[in-house]
Amino acid sequence: MIDSSTPAGFRSLGQPTARRIARQAVERGRAGRTLLVHGPSGAAKGAFVDDLLALLFCAGGDSADRPCNACRGCRYARARTHPDLVIGSPQAWRERRSSGESIVAAARRWLLDAAGAPVVAERRVVLIEHADRANEQIQNALLKTLEEPTDRHIFVLVADEARGLLPTIRSRCQPLRIGAVPREELVAFLMEARRLPADQADVLARIADGLTGTALSYADDPELLTWRRRVQAELLSLLERGRAERFGSIRDLLDETVRRIPQAVEQGDEDARTPAAVQRAAAMVLVEVWISLTRDLVVAAVGRAELAPSRQLAPELSALAERIGPTSLVTMAALLERIHAGLGESAAPKLALEAAMLAWPMLPELRDR
């Protein structure tokens, strides 16, 4: 049954490159066996995955118009109830394991079940969410599955950090990167979806760095925006304080982030639930805010403060940036990027944040104290 009143096409925002790659692959029958949808946690990858599933299952007319969003395949795909869609994740494997069964054994059992024949569609789609949070043993089991050739299955892996997957898995994937969307598009979406006034939608779009999911989180949870404002204000205040005060402050910020951002650590395998892993996930969230603030300080230091989203939350940003100058801020931004990457590869969170705090610039009048 076709509902002709339903608009065709992708419903997620932006992502022209990922859309083009996905469309061309499906139109030419070259979707391959494994697609990797990856990008920052606030990039609304789930919305793009919904589009991708509809595209893969669409039974509408012209392939150039897919997904039609009206056929049964599209509707069931978007509802994630299609009989040939199998969904798994480290969290699901942990929760559904049998008594005494390890998460690795549960994942292997699930992969074996997922390899069944399609029921109504030409191929079965195996969706693995948070694939980068699976441990090495599970990823090796997944790799063996991907190495077995079959035209009856398409695997869709979803990850925040592509480098969290084994290189041998990445080499078998068609990457589809999901990132920021144009600010004008995001502002228009927030005004329509959340009925926000234009000025408020613009502020949220700027602060979210164009990430749809992050902007929606701020729109739906004002306390989250308050937390970000508090983190930025504390980091800026530390520019004017000596080293003795810095380490205590960064530890307090980490503890608050653990309490405030539980969703950063609610997925993953058993190892991701340990105190160190929980702190590491929170530290990554904290460093992401720090990176954004530092980039804005660089922009303000070269006289373009009007382009700095953080200025919306911290009016003092411009004056501080001018006093510090761009050179040390550029160096700091690069260091924070390396620290963020290190945290993704199991660096100790407290040591990583203390290293960042040692490098955090001081105002010139404090350097010789």
Protein backbone atom coordinates (compact mmCIF):
# COMPACT_ATOMS: atom_id res chain seq x y z
CA MET A 1 0.00 0.00 0.00
CA ILE A 2 1.34 3.44 -0.95
CA ASP A 3 0.45 6.69 0.79
CA SER A 4 0.98 9.31 -1.91
CA SER A 5 0.53 12.16 0.57
CA THR A 6 3.85 11.37 2.31
CA PRO A 7 6.80 13.45 1.00
CA ALA A 8 9.64 11.43 -0.47
CA GLY A 9 13.32 11.87 0.29
CA PHE A 10 15.62 12.15 3.26
CA ARG A 11 14.21 13.71 6.42
CA SER A 12 17.45 14.31 8.30
CA LEU A 13 19.25 17.64 7.96
CA GLY A 14 22.27 18.39 5.81
CA GLN A 15 24.84 15.68 5.01
CA PRO A 16 24.89 16.14 1.22
CA THR A 17 28.01 13.99 0.74
CA ALA A 18 26.73 11.06 2.80
CA ARG A 19 23.36 11.29 1.06
CA ARG A 20 24.94 11.28 -2.38
CA ILE A 21 27.17 8.30 -1.62
CA ALA A 22 24.29 6.30 -0.15
CA ARG A 23 21.90 7.12 -3.00
CA GLN A 24 24.40 6.34 -5.73
CA ALA A 25 25.38 3.05 -4.11
CA VAL A 26 21.77 1.89 -3.84
CA GLU A 27 20.77 3.12 -7.31
CA ARG A 28 23.69 1.28 -8.91
CA GLY A 29 23.24 -1.82 -6.78
CA ARG A 30 26.63 -1.26 -5.17
CA ALA A 31 25.65 -0.66 -1.57
CA GLY A 32 28.29 -3.19 -0.57
CA ARG A 33 28.11 -5.36 2.48
CA THR A 34 29.03 -2.87 5.20
CA LEU A 35 28.21 0.81 5.68
CA LEU A 36 29.78 2.81 8.51
CA VAL A 37 27.76 5.80 9.72
CA HIS A 38 30.05 7.82 11.97
CA GLY A 39 30.32 11.28 13.47
CA PRO A 40 30.13 13.21 16.76
CA SER A 41 27.64 12.10 19.38
CA GLY A 42 25.49 15.21 18.85
CA ALA A 43 25.29 14.94 15.07
CA ALA A 44 21.89 13.15 14.97
CA LYS A 45 23.27 10.03 13.33
CA GLY A 46 20.08 8.22 14.30
CA ALA A 47 18.00 10.43 12.00
CA PHE A 48 20.34 9.72 9.10
CA VAL A 49 20.26 5.99 9.88
CA ASP A 50 16.44 6.12 9.69
CA ASP A 51 16.77 7.64 6.22
CA LEU A 52 19.34 5.03 5.23
CA LEU A 53 17.15 2.14 6.41
CA ALA A 54 14.18 3.53 4.48
CA LEU A 55 16.40 3.84 1.40
CA LEU A 56 17.59 0.23 1.70
CA PHE A 57 14.10 -1.20 2.23
CA CYS A 58 12.15 1.11 -0.09
CA ALA A 59 9.94 -0.72 -2.57
CA GLY A 60 8.65 2.43 -4.26
CA GLY A 61 8.78 3.18 -7.97
CA ASP A 62 11.71 5.07 -9.47
CA SER A 63 14.95 4.38 -7.60
CA ALA A 64 15.95 8.03 -8.05
CA ASP A 65 13.01 9.07 -5.85
CA ARG A 66 13.80 6.74 -2.98
CA PRO A 67 13.13 6.62 -0.14
CA CYS A 68 9.49 7.21 -1.03
CA ASN A 69 8.53 7.17 2.71
CA ALA A 70 5.11 5.84 1.71
CA CYS A 71 5.56 2.14 0.96
CA ARG A 72 5.41 -0.54 3.61
CA GLY A 73 9.17 -1.05 3.43
CA CYS A 74 9.87 2.62 4.24
CA ARG A 75 7.31 2.80 7.01
CA TYR A 76 8.47 -0.37 8.72
CA ALA A 77 12.11 0.65 8.31
CA ARG A 78 11.56 4.04 9.94
CA ALA A 79 9.62 2.39 12.77
CA ARG A 80 12.47 -0.15 13.00
CA THR A 81 9.95 -2.98 12.87
CA HIS A 82 10.81 -4.38 9.44
CA PRO A 83 11.00 -8.21 9.58
CA ASP A 84 14.36 -8.13 7.79
CA LEU A 85 15.92 -5.52 10.10
CA VAL A 86 18.03 -6.89 12.95
CA ILE A 87 19.30 -4.41 15.55
CA GLY A 88 22.03 -4.98 18.12
CA SER A 89 24.46 -3.06 20.33
CA PRO A 90 26.88 -3.75 23.19
CA GLN A 91 24.19 -2.57 25.60
CA ALA A 92 21.59 -4.94 24.13
CA TRP A 93 23.97 -7.90 24.17
CA ARG A 94 24.74 -7.29 27.82
CA GLU A 95 21.07 -7.00 28.79
CA ARG A 96 19.89 -10.03 26.81
CA ARG A 97 22.61 -12.52 27.69
CA SER A 98 21.66 -15.76 29.36
CA SER A 99 22.50 -16.51 32.97
CA GLY A 100 26.25 -17.03 33.26
CA GLU A 101 26.84 -16.03 29.64
CA SER A 102 29.56 -13.50 28.86
CA ILE A 103 28.82 -10.49 26.70
CA VAL A 104 31.23 -11.86 24.09
CA ALA A 105 29.32 -15.14 23.90
CA ALA A 106 26.02 -13.23 23.72
CA ALA A 107 27.34 -11.11 20.85
CA ARG A 108 28.56 -14.18 18.96
CA ARG A 109 25.19 -15.87 19.40
CA TRP A 110 23.44 -12.72 18.16
CA LEU A 111 25.71 -12.49 15.11
CA LEU A 112 24.92 -16.11 14.26
CA ASP A 113 21.18 -15.46 14.52
CA ALA A 114 21.51 -12.25 12.47
CA ALA A 115 22.98 -14.26 9.60
CA GLY A 116 19.61 -15.85 8.85
CA ALA A 117 17.92 -15.57 5.48
CA PRO A 118 15.74 -12.53 4.64
CA VAL A 119 11.99 -12.98 5.07
CA VAL A 120 10.34 -10.50 2.68
CA ALA A 121 13.08 -8.23 1.32
CA GLU A 122 15.92 -9.06 -1.04
CA ARG A 123 18.47 -8.66 1.74
CA ARG A 124 18.58 -8.54 5.50
CA VAL A 125 19.92 -5.37 7.12
CA VAL A 126 21.98 -5.88 10.27
CA LEU A 127 22.23 -2.64 12.26
CA ILE A 128 24.85 -2.43 15.02
CA GLU A 129 24.64 0.74 17.09
CA HIS A 130 27.58 2.03 19.16
CA ALA A 131 29.81 -0.43 17.32
CA ASP A 132 32.90 1.48 18.44
CA ARG A 133 32.06 0.67 22.07
CA ALA A 134 32.29 -3.09 21.55
CA ASN A 135 35.41 -4.66 23.01
CA GLU A 136 38.14 -6.20 20.88
CA GLN A 137 36.86 -9.77 21.25
CA ILE A 138 33.41 -8.78 19.99
CA GLN A 139 34.91 -6.79 17.14
CA ASN A 140 36.99 -9.80 16.11
CA ALA A 141 33.81 -11.90 16.06
CA LEU A 142 32.15 -9.23 13.92
CA LEU A 143 35.15 -9.18 11.60
CA LYS A 144 34.82 -12.92 10.96
CA THR A 145 31.17 -12.39 10.03
CA LEU A 146 32.07 -9.56 7.64
CA GLU A 147 34.72 -11.74 6.01
CA GLU A 148 32.15 -14.37 4.99
CA PRO A 149 30.81 -13.27 1.58
CA THR A 150 27.05 -13.15 1.07
CA ASP A 151 24.74 -11.01 -1.05
CA ARG A 152 21.83 -11.49 1.32
CA HIS A 153 23.00 -9.14 4.08
CA ILE A 154 23.98 -5.51 4.51
CA PHE A 155 25.64 -4.46 7.74
CA VAL A 156 25.18 -0.89 8.98
CA LEU A 157 27.62 0.03 11.74
CA VAL A 158 27.06 3.23 13.74
CA ALA A 159 29.92 4.83 15.67
CA ASP A 160 30.88 8.10 17.31
CA GLU A 161 34.58 7.43 16.71
CA ALA A 162 35.48 5.46 13.59
CA ARG A 163 38.94 4.85 15.01
CA GLY A 164 37.28 2.94 17.86
CA LEU A 165 36.77 0.12 15.34
CA LEU A 166 39.51 -2.30 14.33
CA PRO A 167 41.36 -1.12 11.19
CA THR A 168 40.44 -4.42 9.54
CA ILE A 169 36.76 -3.63 10.08
CA ARG A 170 37.10 -0.05 8.83
CA SER A 171 38.82 -1.27 5.67
CA ARG A 172 35.70 -3.28 4.80
CA CYS A 173 33.30 -0.37 5.27
CA GLN A 174 31.90 2.37 3.06
CA PRO A 175 32.20 5.38 5.39
CA LEU A 176 29.31 7.84 5.66
CA ARG A 177 30.37 10.74 7.86
CA ILE A 178 27.66 12.74 9.63
CA GLY A 179 28.61 16.19 10.87
CA ALA A 180 27.44 19.77 11.27
CA VAL A 181 24.68 21.24 9.13
CA PRO A 182 24.53 24.81 7.78
CA ARG A 183 23.47 27.21 10.52
CA GLU A 184 20.60 28.65 8.50
CA GLU A 185 19.14 25.19 7.96
CA LEU A 186 19.48 24.28 11.64
CA VAL A 187 17.93 27.58 12.77
CA ALA A 188 14.93 27.06 10.50
CA PHE A 189 14.54 23.51 11.80
CA LEU A 190 14.64 24.60 15.47
CA MET A 191 12.09 27.33 14.82
CA GLU A 192 9.71 24.81 13.25
CA ALA A 193 10.37 21.72 15.39
CA ARG A 194 10.61 23.46 18.78
CA ARG A 195 8.70 26.67 18.04
CA LEU A 196 11.68 28.78 19.10
CA PRO A 197 11.99 32.47 18.25
CA ALA A 198 14.60 33.19 15.60
CA ASP A 199 17.14 34.79 17.94
CA GLN A 200 17.03 31.89 20.41
CA ALA A 201 17.26 29.30 17.65
CA ASP A 202 20.28 31.14 16.24
CA VAL A 203 22.04 31.12 19.62
CA LEU A 204 21.47 27.39 20.08
CA ALA A 205 22.61 26.59 16.55
CA ARG A 206 25.82 28.55 17.10
CA ILE A 207 26.57 27.04 20.51
CA ALA A 208 25.89 23.53 19.18
CA ASP A 209 28.44 24.08 16.37
CA GLY A 210 25.82 23.05 13.83
CA LEU A 211 25.17 19.64 15.41
CA THR A 212 21.46 18.88 15.24
CA GLY A 213 21.31 16.50 18.19
CA THR A 214 23.25 18.85 20.45
CA ALA A 215 21.04 21.80 19.53
CA LEU A 216 17.91 19.77 20.28
CA SER A 217 19.37 18.69 23.63
CA TYR A 218 19.89 22.33 24.60
CA ALA A 219 16.40 23.25 23.41
CA ASP A 220 14.81 20.41 25.38
CA ASP A 221 16.96 20.67 28.53
CA PRO A 222 17.80 24.22 29.65
CA GLU A 223 19.83 22.78 32.54
CA LEU A 224 22.25 21.31 30.02
CA LEU A 225 22.86 24.78 28.61
CA THR A 226 23.34 26.09 32.14
CA TRP A 227 25.95 23.39 32.74
CA ARG A 228 27.85 24.38 29.59
CA ARG A 229 27.75 28.05 30.58
CA ARG A 230 29.12 27.13 34.01
CA VAL A 231 31.96 25.04 32.53
CA GLN A 232 32.94 27.80 30.11
CA ALA A 233 32.83 30.45 32.83
CA GLU A 234 35.07 28.35 35.09
CA LEU A 235 37.59 27.66 32.32
CA LEU A 236 37.73 31.35 31.45
CA SER A 237 38.18 32.30 35.10
CA LEU A 238 41.15 29.91 35.32
CA LEU A 239 42.95 32.04 32.75
CA GLU A 240 43.22 34.61 35.52
CA ARG A 241 44.21 32.20 38.28
CA GLY A 242 47.47 30.52 39.20
CA ARG A 243 48.38 26.86 38.96
CA ALA A 244 47.62 26.14 42.59
CA GLU A 245 43.90 26.69 41.99
CA ARG A 246 43.69 24.92 38.66
CA PHE A 247 43.97 21.24 39.52
CA GLY A 248 41.25 21.33 42.15
CA SER A 249 38.96 23.11 39.74
CA ILE A 250 39.41 20.64 36.90
CA ARG A 251 38.72 17.72 39.22
CA ASP A 252 35.50 19.41 40.35
CA LEU A 253 34.48 19.99 36.72
CA LEU A 254 35.08 16.33 35.92
CA ASP A 255 33.00 15.16 38.89
CA GLU A 256 30.16 17.48 37.89
CA THR A 257 30.28 16.24 34.30
CA VAL A 258 30.01 12.62 35.47
CA ARG A 259 26.87 13.56 37.38
CA ARG A 260 25.39 15.84 34.71
CA ILE A 261 26.01 13.84 31.54
CA PRO A 262 25.04 10.24 32.36
CA GLN A 263 24.05 9.51 28.78
CA ALA A 264 27.71 9.78 27.81
CA VAL A 265 28.40 6.50 29.57
CA GLU A 266 25.13 4.58 29.49
CA GLN A 267 26.08 2.44 26.49
CA GLY A 268 28.92 0.03 25.91
CA ASP A 269 30.25 -3.29 27.10
CA GLU A 270 30.96 -4.25 30.69
CA ASP A 271 34.39 -2.62 30.68
CA ALA A 272 32.72 0.70 29.81
CA ARG A 273 30.86 0.64 33.13
CA THR A 274 33.96 0.73 35.32
CA PRO A 275 34.68 3.97 37.26
CA ALA A 276 37.70 4.72 35.07
CA ALA A 277 35.70 4.26 31.86
CA VAL A 278 32.84 6.39 33.18
CA GLN A 279 35.31 9.15 34.04
CA ARG A 280 36.94 8.81 30.63
CA ALA A 281 33.63 9.25 28.81
CA ALA A 282 32.79 12.30 30.94
CA ALA A 283 36.28 13.71 30.36
CA MET A 284 35.73 13.45 26.61
CA VAL A 285 32.51 15.46 26.92
CA LEU A 286 34.32 18.05 29.03
CA VAL A 287 37.22 18.30 26.57
CA GLU A 288 34.77 18.76 23.68
CA VAL A 289 33.36 21.85 25.41
CA TRP A 290 36.92 23.00 26.13
CA ILE A 291 37.94 22.60 22.48
CA SER A 292 34.94 24.62 21.34
CA LEU A 293 35.75 27.39 23.82
CA THR A 294 39.42 27.47 22.81
CA ARG A 295 38.59 27.73 19.12
CA ASP A 296 36.30 30.63 19.90
CA LEU A 297 39.07 32.32 21.86
CA VAL A 298 41.31 31.99 18.80
CA VAL A 299 38.64 33.56 16.60
CA ALA A 300 38.15 36.40 19.09
CA ALA A 301 41.90 36.93 19.44
CA VAL A 302 42.21 37.69 15.73
CA GLY A 303 39.41 40.23 15.89
CA ARG A 304 36.44 38.14 14.73
CA ALA A 305 34.60 37.69 18.02
CA GLU A 306 31.24 37.97 16.26
CA LEU A 307 31.92 34.52 14.77
CA ALA A 308 32.56 32.88 18.16
CA PRO A 309 29.49 30.95 19.43
CA SER A 310 30.82 30.87 23.01
CA ARG A 311 30.49 34.64 23.13
CA GLN A 312 26.73 34.06 23.45
CA LEU A 313 27.34 32.48 26.87
CA ALA A 314 30.45 34.37 27.98
CA PRO A 315 30.52 38.08 27.07
CA GLU A 316 33.99 38.45 28.64
CA LEU A 317 35.50 36.12 26.04
CA SER A 318 36.65 38.87 23.67
CA ALA A 319 38.58 40.87 26.25
CA LEU A 320 40.35 37.78 27.60
CA ALA A 321 41.27 36.56 24.11
CA GLU A 322 42.83 39.89 23.21
CA ARG A 323 44.98 39.84 26.36
CA ILE A 324 46.26 36.32 25.67
CA GLY A 325 46.82 36.52 21.92
CA PRO A 326 46.24 33.86 19.27
CA THR A 327 49.57 31.99 19.29
CA SER A 328 49.26 30.13 22.59
CA LEU A 329 45.56 29.55 21.98
CA VAL A 330 46.20 27.83 18.64
CA THR A 331 48.76 25.59 20.34
CA MET A 332 46.26 24.84 23.10
CA ALA A 333 43.52 23.90 20.64
CA ALA A 334 45.84 21.39 18.95
CA LEU A 335 46.81 19.91 22.32
CA LEU A 336 43.17 19.48 23.33
CA GLU A 337 42.47 17.65 20.07
CA ARG A 338 45.31 15.23 20.85
CA ILE A 339 44.05 14.78 24.42
CA HIS A 340 40.55 14.04 23.14
CA ALA A 341 41.98 11.42 20.78
CA GLY A 342 44.00 9.94 23.64
CA LEU A 343 40.93 9.67 25.83
CA GLY A 344 39.25 7.76 23.03
CA GLU A 345 42.15 5.30 23.20
CA SER A 346 41.91 4.75 26.98
CA ALA A 347 44.15 7.52 28.35
CA ALA A 348 43.77 8.14 32.10
CA PRO A 349 41.12 10.89 32.39
CA LYS A 350 42.47 12.79 35.40
CA LEU A 351 46.04 12.80 34.09
CA ALA A 352 44.84 13.93 30.67
CA LEU A 353 42.83 16.82 32.13
CA GLU A 354 45.70 17.85 34.39
CA ALA A 355 48.02 17.92 31.37
CA ALA A 356 45.52 20.16 29.61
CA MET A 357 45.29 22.43 32.63
CA LEU A 358 49.08 22.78 32.81
CA ALA A 359 49.04 24.03 29.22
CA TRP A 360 45.96 26.27 29.62
CA PRO A 361 47.26 29.81 29.02
CA MET A 362 47.66 32.34 31.79
CA LEU A 363 47.20 36.05 31.41
CA PRO A 364 50.57 37.72 30.87
CA GLU A 365 50.57 39.38 34.28
CA LEU A 366 50.30 35.96 36.01
CA ARG A 367 53.00 34.06 34.15
CA ASP A 368 55.91 35.17 36.29
CA ARG A 369 54.22 34.55 39.63
